[in-house]
Amino acid sequence: MNKAELIENIVEVTGLSKKDTDLTISTMIDTIQKSLKKGEKVAIAGFGTFDVSVRKEREGRNPATGETIKIAASKSPKFKPGKSFKEMLN
């Protein structure tokens, strides 16, 4: 399911306008992204938690040459599903 299909599904269930639904979803995504950028955790009860995973700088190898290279530190978003969400899938 992509964003457009998600919007269509929500419009069918709620009866809200497509414009309002798109604005709501876009605002939710933007708010989650801004919170993570500030280093905040976002927890949605019954759904899960969004957080930032931090990886330290480390050494790696170029697979083509075998040369040792430095891999820069990085941040990545991560999602941990809530207990009820996991149970619903199983």
PDB file of N, CA and C in Angstrom:
ATOM      1  N   MET A   1       0.854  -1.179   0.000  1.00  0.00           N
ATOM      2  CA  MET A   1       0.000   0.000   0.000  1.00  0.00           C
ATOM      3  C   MET A   1       0.893   1.234   0.000  1.00  0.00           C
ATOM      4  N   ASN A   2       0.599   2.183  -0.879  1.00  0.00           N
ATOM      5  CA  ASN A   2       1.343   3.435  -0.893  1.00  0.00           C
ATOM      6  C   ASN A   2       0.494   4.539  -0.251  1.00  0.00           C
ATOM      7  N   LYS A   3       1.033   5.764  -0.234  1.00  0.00           N
ATOM      8  CA  LYS A   3       0.358   6.866   0.447  1.00  0.00           C
ATOM      9  C   LYS A   3      -1.014   7.159  -0.180  1.00  0.00           C
ATOM     10  N   ALA A   4      -1.095   7.153  -1.505  1.00  0.00           N
ATOM     11  CA  ALA A   4      -2.363   7.441  -2.180  1.00  0.00           C
ATOM     12  C   ALA A   4      -3.419   6.392  -1.844  1.00  0.00           C
ATOM     13  N   GLU A   5      -3.013   5.121  -1.787  1.00  0.00           N
ATOM     14  CA  GLU A   5      -3.947   4.055  -1.434  1.00  0.00           C
ATOM     15  C   GLU A   5      -4.379   4.166   0.024  1.00  0.00           C
ATOM     16  N   LEU A   6      -3.464   4.552   0.892  1.00  0.00           N
ATOM     17  CA  LEU A   6      -3.788   4.763   2.302  1.00  0.00           C
ATOM     18  C   LEU A   6      -4.827   5.869   2.443  1.00  0.00           C
ATOM     19  N   ILE A   7      -4.618   6.967   1.723  1.00  0.00           N
ATOM     20  CA  ILE A   7      -5.560   8.093   1.760  1.00  0.00           C
ATOM     21  C   ILE A   7      -6.938   7.641   1.287  1.00  0.00           C
ATOM     22  N   GLU A   8      -6.985   6.913   0.181  1.00  0.00           N
ATOM     23  CA  GLU A   8      -8.261   6.407  -0.344  1.00  0.00           C
ATOM     24  C   GLU A   8      -8.981   5.538   0.683  1.00  0.00           C
ATOM     25  N   ASN A   9      -8.241   4.670   1.349  1.00  0.00           N
ATOM     26  CA  ASN A   9      -8.825   3.782   2.345  1.00  0.00           C
ATOM     27  C   ASN A   9      -9.409   4.580   3.499  1.00  0.00           C
ATOM     28  N   ILE A  10      -8.676   5.568   3.985  1.00  0.00           N
ATOM     29  CA  ILE A  10      -9.144   6.395   5.105  1.00  0.00           C
ATOM     30  C   ILE A  10     -10.365   7.207   4.693  1.00  0.00           C
ATOM     31  N   VAL A  11     -10.365   7.740   3.463  1.00  0.00           N
ATOM     32  CA  VAL A  11     -11.511   8.500   2.960  1.00  0.00           C
ATOM     33  C   VAL A  11     -12.766   7.620   2.930  1.00  0.00           C
ATOM     34  N   GLU A  12     -12.620   6.375   2.476  1.00  0.00           N
ATOM     35  CA  GLU A  12     -13.760   5.455   2.420  1.00  0.00           C
ATOM     36  C   GLU A  12     -14.314   5.146   3.807  1.00  0.00           C
ATOM     37  N   VAL A  13     -13.425   4.942   4.771  1.00  0.00           N
ATOM     38  CA  VAL A  13     -13.849   4.567   6.120  1.00  0.00           C
ATOM     39  C   VAL A  13     -14.435   5.754   6.890  1.00  0.00           C
ATOM     40  N   THR A  14     -13.790   6.933   6.778  1.00  0.00           N
ATOM     41  CA  THR A  14     -14.191   8.075   7.608  1.00  0.00           C
ATOM     42  C   THR A  14     -15.164   9.032   6.946  1.00  0.00           C
ATOM     43  N   GLY A  15     -15.165   9.078   5.620  1.00  0.00           N
ATOM     44  CA  GLY A  15     -16.015  10.040   4.925  1.00  0.00           C
ATOM     45  C   GLY A  15     -15.414  11.434   4.868  1.00  0.00           C
ATOM     46  N   LEU A  16     -14.183  11.579   5.355  1.00  0.00           N
ATOM     47  CA  LEU A  16     -13.506  12.874   5.269  1.00  0.00           C
ATOM     48  C   LEU A  16     -13.122  13.156   3.820  1.00  0.00           C
ATOM     49  N   SER A  17     -12.818  14.409   3.528  1.00  0.00           N
ATOM     50  CA  SER A  17     -12.404  14.748   2.168  1.00  0.00           C
ATOM     51  C   SER A  17     -10.989  14.235   1.915  1.00  0.00           C
ATOM     52  N   LYS A  18     -10.690  14.017   0.641  1.00  0.00           N
ATOM     53  CA  LYS A  18      -9.369  13.545   0.252  1.00  0.00           C
ATOM     54  C   LYS A  18      -8.305  14.582   0.631  1.00  0.00           C
ATOM     55  N   LYS A  19      -8.637  15.863   0.457  1.00  0.00           N
ATOM     56  CA  LYS A  19      -7.711  16.958   0.760  1.00  0.00           C
ATOM     57  C   LYS A  19      -7.370  16.987   2.257  1.00  0.00           C
ATOM     58  N   ASP A  20      -8.397  16.887   3.106  1.00  0.00           N
ATOM     59  CA  ASP A  20      -8.175  16.917   4.557  1.00  0.00           C
ATOM     60  C   ASP A  20      -7.390  15.691   5.030  1.00  0.00           C
ATOM     61  N   THR A  21      -7.692  14.541   4.450  1.00  0.00           N
ATOM     62  CA  THR A  21      -6.995  13.312   4.821  1.00  0.00           C
ATOM     63  C   THR A  21      -5.530  13.386   4.422  1.00  0.00           C
ATOM     64  N   ASP A  22      -5.255  13.880   3.207  1.00  0.00           N
ATOM     65  CA  ASP A  22      -3.873  14.026   2.736  1.00  0.00           C
ATOM     66  C   ASP A  22      -3.105  14.989   3.637  1.00  0.00           C
ATOM     67  N   LEU A  23      -3.733  16.105   3.995  1.00  0.00           N
ATOM     68  CA  LEU A  23      -3.093  17.094   4.873  1.00  0.00           C
ATOM     69  C   LEU A  23      -2.795  16.482   6.241  1.00  0.00           C
ATOM     70  N   THR A  24      -3.720  15.702   6.774  1.00  0.00           N
ATOM     71  CA  THR A  24      -3.534  15.062   8.082  1.00  0.00           C
ATOM     72  C   THR A  24      -2.369  14.078   8.059  1.00  0.00           C
ATOM     73  N   ILE A  25      -2.329  13.218   7.048  1.00  0.00           N
ATOM     74  CA  ILE A  25      -1.262  12.225   6.950  1.00  0.00           C
ATOM     75  C   ILE A  25       0.089  12.906   6.727  1.00  0.00           C
ATOM     76  N   SER A  26       0.120  13.899   5.844  1.00  0.00           N
ATOM     77  CA  SER A  26       1.373  14.624   5.571  1.00  0.00           C
ATOM     78  C   SER A  26       1.876  15.324   6.825  1.00  0.00           C
ATOM     79  N   THR A  27       0.970  15.914   7.593  1.00  0.00           N
ATOM     80  CA  THR A  27       1.337  16.598   8.831  1.00  0.00           C
ATOM     81  C   THR A  27       1.855  15.604   9.860  1.00  0.00           C
ATOM     82  N   MET A  28       1.228  14.433   9.947  1.00  0.00           N
ATOM     83  CA  MET A  28       1.674  13.411  10.888  1.00  0.00           C
ATOM     84  C   MET A  28       3.094  12.947  10.549  1.00  0.00           C
ATOM     85  N   ILE A  29       3.340  12.660   9.289  1.00  0.00           N
ATOM     86  CA  ILE A  29       4.672  12.220   8.854  1.00  0.00           C
ATOM     87  C   ILE A  29       5.703  13.306   9.117  1.00  0.00           C
ATOM     88  N   ASP A  30       5.377  14.544   8.784  1.00  0.00           N
ATOM     89  CA  ASP A  30       6.295  15.671   8.988  1.00  0.00           C
ATOM     90  C   ASP A  30       6.604  15.863  10.473  1.00  0.00           C
ATOM     91  N   THR A  31       5.589  15.728  11.323  1.00  0.00           N
ATOM     92  CA  THR A  31       5.777  15.888  12.766  1.00  0.00           C
ATOM     93  C   THR A  31       6.678  14.791  13.327  1.00  0.00           C
ATOM     94  N   ILE A  32       6.478  13.560  12.887  1.00  0.00           N
ATOM     95  CA  ILE A  32       7.327  12.451  13.332  1.00  0.00           C
ATOM     96  C   ILE A  32       8.767  12.698  12.902  1.00  0.00           C
ATOM     97  N   GLN A  33       8.968  13.112  11.653  1.00  0.00           N
ATOM     98  CA  GLN A  33      10.317  13.364  11.149  1.00  0.00           C
ATOM     99  C   GLN A  33      11.008  14.490  11.921  1.00  0.00           C
ATOM    100  N   LYS A  34      10.291  15.574  12.195  1.00  0.00           N
ATOM    101  CA  LYS A  34      10.876  16.696  12.933  1.00  0.00           C
ATOM    102  C   LYS A  34      11.232  16.297  14.366  1.00  0.00           C
ATOM    103  N   SER A  35      10.375  15.499  14.991  1.00  0.00           N
ATOM    104  CA  SER A  35      10.649  15.048  16.357  1.00  0.00           C
ATOM    105  C   SER A  35      11.890  14.164  16.395  1.00  0.00           C
ATOM    106  N   LEU A  36      12.019  13.249  15.438  1.00  0.00           N
ATOM    107  CA  LEU A  36      13.193  12.390  15.385  1.00  0.00           C
ATOM    108  C   LEU A  36      14.453  13.199  15.119  1.00  0.00           C
ATOM    109  N   LYS A  37      14.346  14.212  14.270  1.00  0.00           N
ATOM    110  CA  LYS A  37      15.503  15.054  13.976  1.00  0.00           C
ATOM    111  C   LYS A  37      15.987  15.783  15.234  1.00  0.00           C
ATOM    112  N   LYS A  38      15.047  16.134  16.130  1.00  0.00           N
ATOM    113  CA  LYS A  38      15.400  16.790  17.393  1.00  0.00           C
ATOM    114  C   LYS A  38      15.931  15.789  18.416  1.00  0.00           C
ATOM    115  N   GLY A  39      15.879  14.490  18.083  1.00  0.00           N
ATOM    116  CA  GLY A  39      16.350  13.469  19.009  1.00  0.00           C
ATOM    117  C   GLY A  39      15.271  12.941  19.929  1.00  0.00           C
ATOM    118  N   GLU A  40      14.031  13.288  19.659  1.00  0.00           N
ATOM    119  CA  GLU A  40      12.920  12.834  20.486  1.00  0.00           C
ATOM    120  C   GLU A  40      12.392  11.491  19.986  1.00  0.00           C
ATOM    121  N   LYS A  41      11.850  10.729  20.886  1.00  0.00           N
ATOM    122  CA  LYS A  41      11.209   9.454  20.567  1.00  0.00           C
ATOM    123  C   LYS A  41       9.716   9.724  20.363  1.00  0.00           C
ATOM    124  N   VAL A  42       9.093   9.036  19.414  1.00  0.00           N
ATOM    125  CA  VAL A  42       7.658   9.192  19.165  1.00  0.00           C
ATOM    126  C   VAL A  42       6.979   7.854  19.425  1.00  0.00           C
ATOM    127  N   ALA A  43       6.118   7.810  20.433  1.00  0.00           N
ATOM    128  CA  ALA A  43       5.416   6.582  20.799  1.00  0.00           C
ATOM    129  C   ALA A  43       3.927   6.750  20.532  1.00  0.00           C
ATOM    130  N   ILE A  44       3.361   5.816  19.773  1.00  0.00           N
ATOM    131  CA  ILE A  44       1.933   5.824  19.476  1.00  0.00           C
ATOM    132  C   ILE A  44       1.358   4.558  20.107  1.00  0.00           C
ATOM    133  N   ALA A  45       0.590   4.750  21.169  1.00  0.00           N
ATOM    134  CA  ALA A  45       0.047   3.613  21.926  1.00  0.00           C
ATOM    135  C   ALA A  45      -0.730   2.677  21.016  1.00  0.00           C
ATOM    136  N   GLY A  46      -0.478   1.383  21.148  1.00  0.00           N
ATOM    137  CA  GLY A  46      -1.161   0.379  20.360  1.00  0.00           C
ATOM    138  C   GLY A  46      -0.578   0.188  18.971  1.00  0.00           C
ATOM    139  N   PHE A  47       0.374   1.038  18.593  1.00  0.00           N
ATOM    140  CA  PHE A  47       0.974   0.938  17.261  1.00  0.00           C
ATOM    141  C   PHE A  47       2.463   0.648  17.349  1.00  0.00           C
ATOM    142  N   GLY A  48       3.214   1.565  17.960  1.00  0.00           N
ATOM    143  CA  GLY A  48       4.647   1.346  18.101  1.00  0.00           C
ATOM    144  C   GLY A  48       5.402   2.618  18.421  1.00  0.00           C
ATOM    145  N   THR A  49       6.741   2.510  18.374  1.00  0.00           N
ATOM    146  CA  THR A  49       7.619   3.613  18.728  1.00  0.00           C
ATOM    147  C   THR A  49       8.624   3.875  17.621  1.00  0.00           C
ATOM    148  N   PHE A  50       8.747   5.147  17.267  1.00  0.00           N
ATOM    149  CA  PHE A  50       9.761   5.590  16.325  1.00  0.00           C
ATOM    150  C   PHE A  50      10.914   6.162  17.127  1.00  0.00           C
ATOM    151  N   ASP A  51      12.136   5.829  16.754  1.00  0.00           N
ATOM    152  CA  ASP A  51      13.320   6.306  17.467  1.00  0.00           C
ATOM    153  C   ASP A  51      14.464   6.454  16.468  1.00  0.00           C
ATOM    154  N   VAL A  52      15.575   7.012  16.926  1.00  0.00           N
ATOM    155  CA  VAL A  52      16.749   7.180  16.070  1.00  0.00           C
ATOM    156  C   VAL A  52      17.834   6.219  16.528  1.00  0.00           C
ATOM    157  N   SER A  53      18.366   5.468  15.596  1.00  0.00           N
ATOM    158  CA  SER A  53      19.472   4.554  15.862  1.00  0.00           C
ATOM    159  C   SER A  53      20.770   5.266  15.465  1.00  0.00           C
ATOM    160  N   VAL A  54      21.736   5.285  16.368  1.00  0.00           N
ATOM    161  CA  VAL A  54      23.006   5.961  16.107  1.00  0.00           C
ATOM    162  C   VAL A  54      24.102   4.922  15.914  1.00  0.00           C
ATOM    163  N   ARG A  55      24.816   5.033  14.809  1.00  0.00           N
ATOM    164  CA  ARG A  55      25.933   4.128  14.541  1.00  0.00           C
ATOM    165  C   ARG A  55      27.227   4.932  14.627  1.00  0.00           C
ATOM    166  N   LYS A  56      28.181   4.427  15.364  1.00  0.00           N
ATOM    167  CA  LYS A  56      29.463   5.100  15.518  1.00  0.00           C
ATOM    168  C   LYS A  56      30.302   4.930  14.255  1.00  0.00           C
ATOM    169  N   GLU A  57      31.314   5.807  14.126  1.00  0.00           N
ATOM    170  CA  GLU A  57      32.265   5.655  13.026  1.00  0.00           C
ATOM    171  C   GLU A  57      32.990   4.321  13.212  1.00  0.00           C
ATOM    172  N   ARG A  58      33.230   3.637  12.101  1.00  0.00           N
ATOM    173  CA  ARG A  58      33.890   2.344  12.210  1.00  0.00           C
ATOM    174  C   ARG A  58      34.718   2.068  10.956  1.00  0.00           C
ATOM    175  N   GLU A  59      35.546   1.045  11.064  1.00  0.00           N
ATOM    176  CA  GLU A  59      36.344   0.645   9.920  1.00  0.00           C
ATOM    177  C   GLU A  59      35.636  -0.461   9.163  1.00  0.00           C
ATOM    178  N   GLY A  60      35.780  -0.423   7.848  1.00  0.00           N
ATOM    179  CA  GLY A  60      35.209  -1.460   7.002  1.00  0.00           C
ATOM    180  C   GLY A  60      36.202  -1.810   5.915  1.00  0.00           C
ATOM    181  N   ARG A  61      35.805  -2.676   5.032  1.00  0.00           N
ATOM    182  CA  ARG A  61      36.678  -3.074   3.928  1.00  0.00           C
ATOM    183  C   ARG A  61      35.949  -2.875   2.606  1.00  0.00           C
ATOM    184  N   ASN A  62      36.709  -2.370   1.627  1.00  0.00           N
ATOM    185  CA  ASN A  62      36.203  -2.270   0.277  1.00  0.00           C
ATOM    186  C   ASN A  62      36.218  -3.699  -0.285  1.00  0.00           C
ATOM    187  N   PRO A  63      35.049  -4.263  -0.617  1.00  0.00           N
ATOM    188  CA  PRO A  63      35.027  -5.653  -1.061  1.00  0.00           C
ATOM    189  C   PRO A  63      35.775  -5.891  -2.380  1.00  0.00           C
ATOM    190  N   ALA A  64      35.902  -4.867  -3.195  1.00  0.00           N
ATOM    191  CA  ALA A  64      36.578  -5.034  -4.479  1.00  0.00           C
ATOM    192  C   ALA A  64      38.097  -5.088  -4.318  1.00  0.00           C
ATOM    193  N   THR A  65      38.628  -4.241  -3.421  1.00  0.00           N
ATOM    194  CA  THR A  65      40.088  -4.136  -3.289  1.00  0.00           C
ATOM    195  C   THR A  65      40.625  -4.710  -1.987  1.00  0.00           C
ATOM    196  N   GLY A  66      39.749  -4.895  -1.002  1.00  0.00           N
ATOM    197  CA  GLY A  66      40.197  -5.372   0.300  1.00  0.00           C
ATOM    198  C   GLY A  66      40.798  -4.255   1.144  1.00  0.00           C
ATOM    199  N   GLU A  67      40.818  -3.051   0.601  1.00  0.00           N
ATOM    200  CA  GLU A  67      41.383  -1.889   1.297  1.00  0.00           C
ATOM    201  C   GLU A  67      40.519  -1.513   2.502  1.00  0.00           C
ATOM    202  N   THR A  68      41.175  -1.139   3.615  1.00  0.00           N
ATOM    203  CA  THR A  68      40.468  -0.685   4.810  1.00  0.00           C
ATOM    204  C   THR A  68      39.986   0.742   4.582  1.00  0.00           C
ATOM    205  N   ILE A  69      38.712   0.990   4.899  1.00  0.00           N
ATOM    206  CA  ILE A  69      38.139   2.334   4.757  1.00  0.00           C
ATOM    207  C   ILE A  69      37.424   2.703   6.049  1.00  0.00           C
ATOM    208  N   LYS A  70      37.229   4.012   6.251  1.00  0.00           N
ATOM    209  CA  LYS A  70      36.466   4.488   7.402  1.00  0.00           C
ATOM    210  C   LYS A  70      35.029   4.703   6.963  1.00  0.00           C
ATOM    211  N   ILE A  71      34.116   4.162   7.745  1.00  0.00           N
ATOM    212  CA  ILE A  71      32.695   4.366   7.504  1.00  0.00           C
ATOM    213  C   ILE A  71      32.230   5.408   8.509  1.00  0.00           C
ATOM    214  N   ALA A  72      31.687   6.506   8.011  1.00  0.00           N
ATOM    215  CA  ALA A  72      31.298   7.639   8.853  1.00  0.00           C
ATOM    216  C   ALA A  72      30.163   7.259   9.806  1.00  0.00           C
ATOM    217  N   ALA A  73      30.106   7.973  10.923  1.00  0.00           N
ATOM    218  CA  ALA A  73      28.999   7.808  11.868  1.00  0.00           C
ATOM    219  C   ALA A  73      27.709   8.204  11.159  1.00  0.00           C
ATOM    220  N   SER A  74      26.607   7.573  11.544  1.00  0.00           N
ATOM    221  CA  SER A  74      25.337   7.897  10.894  1.00  0.00           C
ATOM    222  C   SER A  74      24.171   7.677  11.849  1.00  0.00           C
ATOM    223  N   LYS A  75      23.065   8.288  11.492  1.00  0.00           N
ATOM    224  CA  LYS A  75      21.815   8.115  12.234  1.00  0.00           C
ATOM    225  C   LYS A  75      20.791   7.539  11.267  1.00  0.00           C
ATOM    226  N   SER A  76      19.912   6.711  11.801  1.00  0.00           N
ATOM    227  CA  SER A  76      18.897   6.084  10.977  1.00  0.00           C
ATOM    228  C   SER A  76      17.609   5.943  11.787  1.00  0.00           C
ATOM    229  N   PRO A  77      16.456   6.184  11.146  1.00  0.00           N
ATOM    230  CA  PRO A  77      15.214   5.993  11.895  1.00  0.00           C
ATOM    231  C   PRO A  77      14.939   4.513  12.083  1.00  0.00           C
ATOM    232  N   LYS A  78      14.319   4.177  13.214  1.00  0.00           N
ATOM    233  CA  LYS A  78      13.919   2.793  13.442  1.00  0.00           C
ATOM    234  C   LYS A  78      12.515   2.790  14.025  1.00  0.00           C
ATOM    235  N   PHE A  79      11.834   1.684  13.821  1.00  0.00           N
ATOM    236  CA  PHE A  79      10.466   1.526  14.309  1.00  0.00           C
ATOM    237  C   PHE A  79      10.372   0.213  15.067  1.00  0.00           C
ATOM    238  N   LYS A  80       9.801   0.282  16.250  1.00  0.00           N
ATOM    239  CA  LYS A  80       9.574  -0.925  17.048  1.00  0.00           C
ATOM    240  C   LYS A  80       8.064  -1.054  17.236  1.00  0.00           C
ATOM    241  N   PRO A  81       7.462  -2.109  16.664  1.00  0.00           N
ATOM    242  CA  PRO A  81       6.016  -2.270  16.798  1.00  0.00           C
ATOM    243  C   PRO A  81       5.616  -2.541  18.244  1.00  0.00           C
ATOM    244  N   GLY A  82       4.434  -2.058  18.615  1.00  0.00           N
ATOM    245  CA  GLY A  82       3.901  -2.302  19.950  1.00  0.00           C
ATOM    246  C   GLY A  82       3.439  -3.736  20.106  1.00  0.00           C
ATOM    247  N   LYS A  83       3.245  -4.146  21.344  1.00  0.00           N
ATOM    248  CA  LYS A  83       2.874  -5.522  21.655  1.00  0.00           C
ATOM    249  C   LYS A  83       1.566  -5.934  20.963  1.00  0.00           C
ATOM    250  N   SER A  84       0.550  -5.087  21.046  1.00  0.00           N
ATOM    251  CA  SER A  84      -0.744  -5.442  20.449  1.00  0.00           C
ATOM    252  C   SER A  84      -0.651  -5.510  18.921  1.00  0.00           C
ATOM    253  N   PHE A  85       0.196  -4.686  18.325  1.00  0.00           N
ATOM    254  CA  PHE A  85       0.405  -4.709  16.878  1.00  0.00           C
ATOM    255  C   PHE A  85       1.060  -6.030  16.469  1.00  0.00           C
ATOM    256  N   LYS A  86       2.085  -6.438  17.202  1.00  0.00           N
ATOM    257  CA  LYS A  86       2.766  -7.712  16.913  1.00  0.00           C
ATOM    258  C   LYS A  86       1.810  -8.887  17.087  1.00  0.00           C
ATOM    259  N   GLU A  87       1.026  -8.846  18.159  1.00  0.00           N
ATOM    260  CA  GLU A  87       0.084  -9.937  18.411  1.00  0.00           C
ATOM    261  C   GLU A  87      -0.991 -10.031  17.334  1.00  0.00           C
ATOM    262  N   MET A  88      -1.411  -8.896  16.802  1.00  0.00           N
ATOM    263  CA  MET A  88      -2.418  -8.865  15.753  1.00  0.00           C
ATOM    264  C   MET A  88      -1.895  -9.549  14.482  1.00  0.00           C
ATOM    265  N   LEU A  89      -0.618  -9.425  14.220  1.00  0.00           N
ATOM    266  CA  LEU A  89      -0.024 -10.027  13.027  1.00  0.00           C
ATOM    267  C   LEU A  89       0.158 -11.533  13.167  1.00  0.00           C
ATOM    268  N   ASN A  90       0.293 -11.990  14.388  1.00  0.00           N
ATOM    269  CA  ASN A  90       0.512 -13.427  14.616  1.00  0.00           C
ATOM    270  C   ASN A  90      -0.772 -14.040  14.976  1.00  0.00           C
TER     271      ASN A  90
END
